Amino acid sequence: MKPMKTNEILKTAIEKAQANGWKNAPIWDDQMDWAYYSDHDGGFGVASTEQIIFDHEFAKAFWGTKRRGYDFTTKREIQEWDSHLQEMVLEEDPISYLERFI
C-alpha cells in the first residue's frame, strides 16, 4: 500500500467525519484538490488544513464522543475526540496522526 498524500488524507478524513454526521463540513473540490466553505450568498473561502483538523465538530464526528476518562483537575469527562485533539496538537506532523485513524 503506497503512502497517502496530505490532501488524500484530508479528503478521506472529511468524508469519514461527514459519514459520521459532521454537518458544517467544507466541500472538497476534486479538480482543485482542496476544501472550501461556501456561504448562502455564493461566496466561498478556502479551508486550511489546520482549520479543518482542529475543528471541534470535525473531531467529534471523526473520533466520536465516547467517554475516554475523567480529568480530576478540571473535574470533567474526557471524550475520545477531545483526547485525540490534545494528542494531535502535540504531534510534529498532525496529518500523519490523523492518518492512523482512517
Protein backbone atom coordinates (compact mmCIF):
# COMPACT_ATOMS: atom_id res chain seq x y z
CA MET A 1 0.00 0.00 0.00
CA LYS A 2 1.53 3.31 -1.05
CA PRO A 3 1.57 6.20 1.43
CA MET A 4 -1.26 8.69 1.14
CA LYS A 5 -0.57 12.32 0.28
CA THR A 6 -1.65 15.06 2.67
CA ASN A 7 -4.66 16.03 0.55
CA GLU A 8 -5.74 12.39 0.22
CA ILE A 9 -5.62 12.00 4.00
CA LEU A 10 -7.53 15.23 4.48
CA LYS A 11 -10.19 14.33 1.91
CA THR A 12 -10.66 10.85 3.42
CA ALA A 13 -10.86 12.29 6.94
CA ILE A 14 -13.51 14.82 5.83
CA GLU A 15 -15.51 12.03 4.20
CA LYS A 16 -15.31 9.91 7.37
CA ALA A 17 -16.43 12.83 9.55
CA GLN A 18 -19.30 13.62 7.15
CA ALA A 19 -20.41 9.98 7.20
CA ASN A 20 -20.46 10.23 11.00
CA GLY A 21 -22.66 13.33 10.94
CA TRP A 22 -20.38 16.36 10.53
CA LYS A 23 -22.88 18.95 9.32
CA ASN A 24 -20.74 22.03 8.53
CA ALA A 25 -18.03 20.23 6.65
CA PRO A 26 -16.16 22.04 3.90
CA ILE A 27 -16.76 20.98 0.32
CA TRP A 28 -13.94 19.02 -1.33
CA ASP A 29 -13.16 20.05 -4.90
CA ASP A 30 -11.50 17.11 -6.70
CA GLN A 31 -10.38 19.23 -9.65
CA MET A 32 -8.64 21.79 -7.45
CA ASP A 33 -7.67 19.21 -4.77
CA TRP A 34 -8.68 21.48 -1.89
CA ALA A 35 -11.53 22.11 0.52
CA TYR A 36 -13.61 25.26 0.78
CA TYR A 37 -16.54 26.66 2.70
CA SER A 38 -19.37 28.35 0.87
CA ASP A 39 -21.99 30.72 2.19
CA HIS A 40 -25.58 31.33 1.17
CA ASP A 41 -24.63 34.41 -0.84
CA GLY A 42 -22.43 32.50 -3.27
CA GLY A 43 -19.15 33.47 -1.64
CA PHE A 44 -16.53 30.99 -0.57
CA GLY A 45 -13.28 30.70 1.30
CA VAL A 46 -10.54 28.11 1.19
CA ALA A 47 -10.42 25.92 4.30
CA SER A 48 -6.92 25.47 5.69
CA THR A 49 -5.78 22.06 6.87
CA GLU A 50 -5.50 23.34 10.46
CA GLN A 51 -8.93 24.94 10.29
CA ILE A 52 -10.39 21.56 9.39
CA ILE A 53 -8.48 19.09 11.56
CA PHE A 54 -8.58 21.14 14.76
CA ASP A 55 -12.28 21.96 14.44
CA HIS A 56 -14.15 20.53 17.45
CA GLU A 57 -17.16 19.46 15.39
CA PHE A 58 -14.87 17.66 12.93
CA ALA A 59 -13.09 15.89 15.79
CA LYS A 60 -16.37 14.85 17.43
CA ALA A 61 -17.59 13.30 14.17
CA PHE A 62 -14.22 11.78 13.25
CA TRP A 63 -13.35 10.15 16.61
CA GLY A 64 -16.69 10.09 18.37
CA THR A 65 -17.89 11.29 21.75
CA LYS A 66 -17.44 8.10 23.74
CA ARG A 67 -16.10 8.71 27.25
CA ARG A 68 -12.37 8.02 27.50
CA GLY A 69 -11.65 9.12 31.05
CA TYR A 70 -12.04 11.79 33.70
CA ASP A 71 -9.81 14.78 34.46
CA PHE A 72 -9.83 15.29 38.21
CA THR A 73 -8.06 18.65 37.87
CA THR A 74 -10.75 20.23 35.70
CA LYS A 75 -13.49 17.91 37.01
CA ARG A 76 -14.77 16.99 33.58
CA GLU A 77 -15.12 13.91 31.43
CA ILE A 78 -12.62 13.40 28.66
CA GLN A 79 -14.17 12.17 25.44
CA GLU A 80 -12.45 10.36 22.57
CA TRP A 81 -12.42 13.42 20.29
CA ASP A 82 -11.03 15.71 22.98
CA SER A 83 -8.27 13.32 23.91
CA HIS A 84 -7.23 12.82 20.29
CA LEU A 85 -7.18 16.57 19.63
CA GLN A 86 -4.89 17.05 22.61
CA GLU A 87 -2.57 14.35 21.32
CA MET A 88 -2.68 15.55 17.71
CA VAL A 89 -1.84 19.16 18.56
CA LEU A 90 1.42 17.96 20.13
CA GLU A 91 2.44 15.97 17.06
CA GLU A 92 5.09 17.33 14.75
CA ASP A 93 3.00 16.08 11.81
CA PRO A 94 -0.69 16.13 12.80
CA ILE A 95 -1.75 14.77 9.39
CA SER A 96 0.23 11.57 10.00
CA TYR A 97 -1.51 11.24 13.36
CA LEU A 98 -4.88 11.64 11.64
CA GLU A 99 -3.94 9.05 9.00
CA ARG A 100 -3.66 6.35 11.68
CA PHE A 101 -7.43 6.51 12.20
CA ILE A 102 -8.55 6.37 8.58
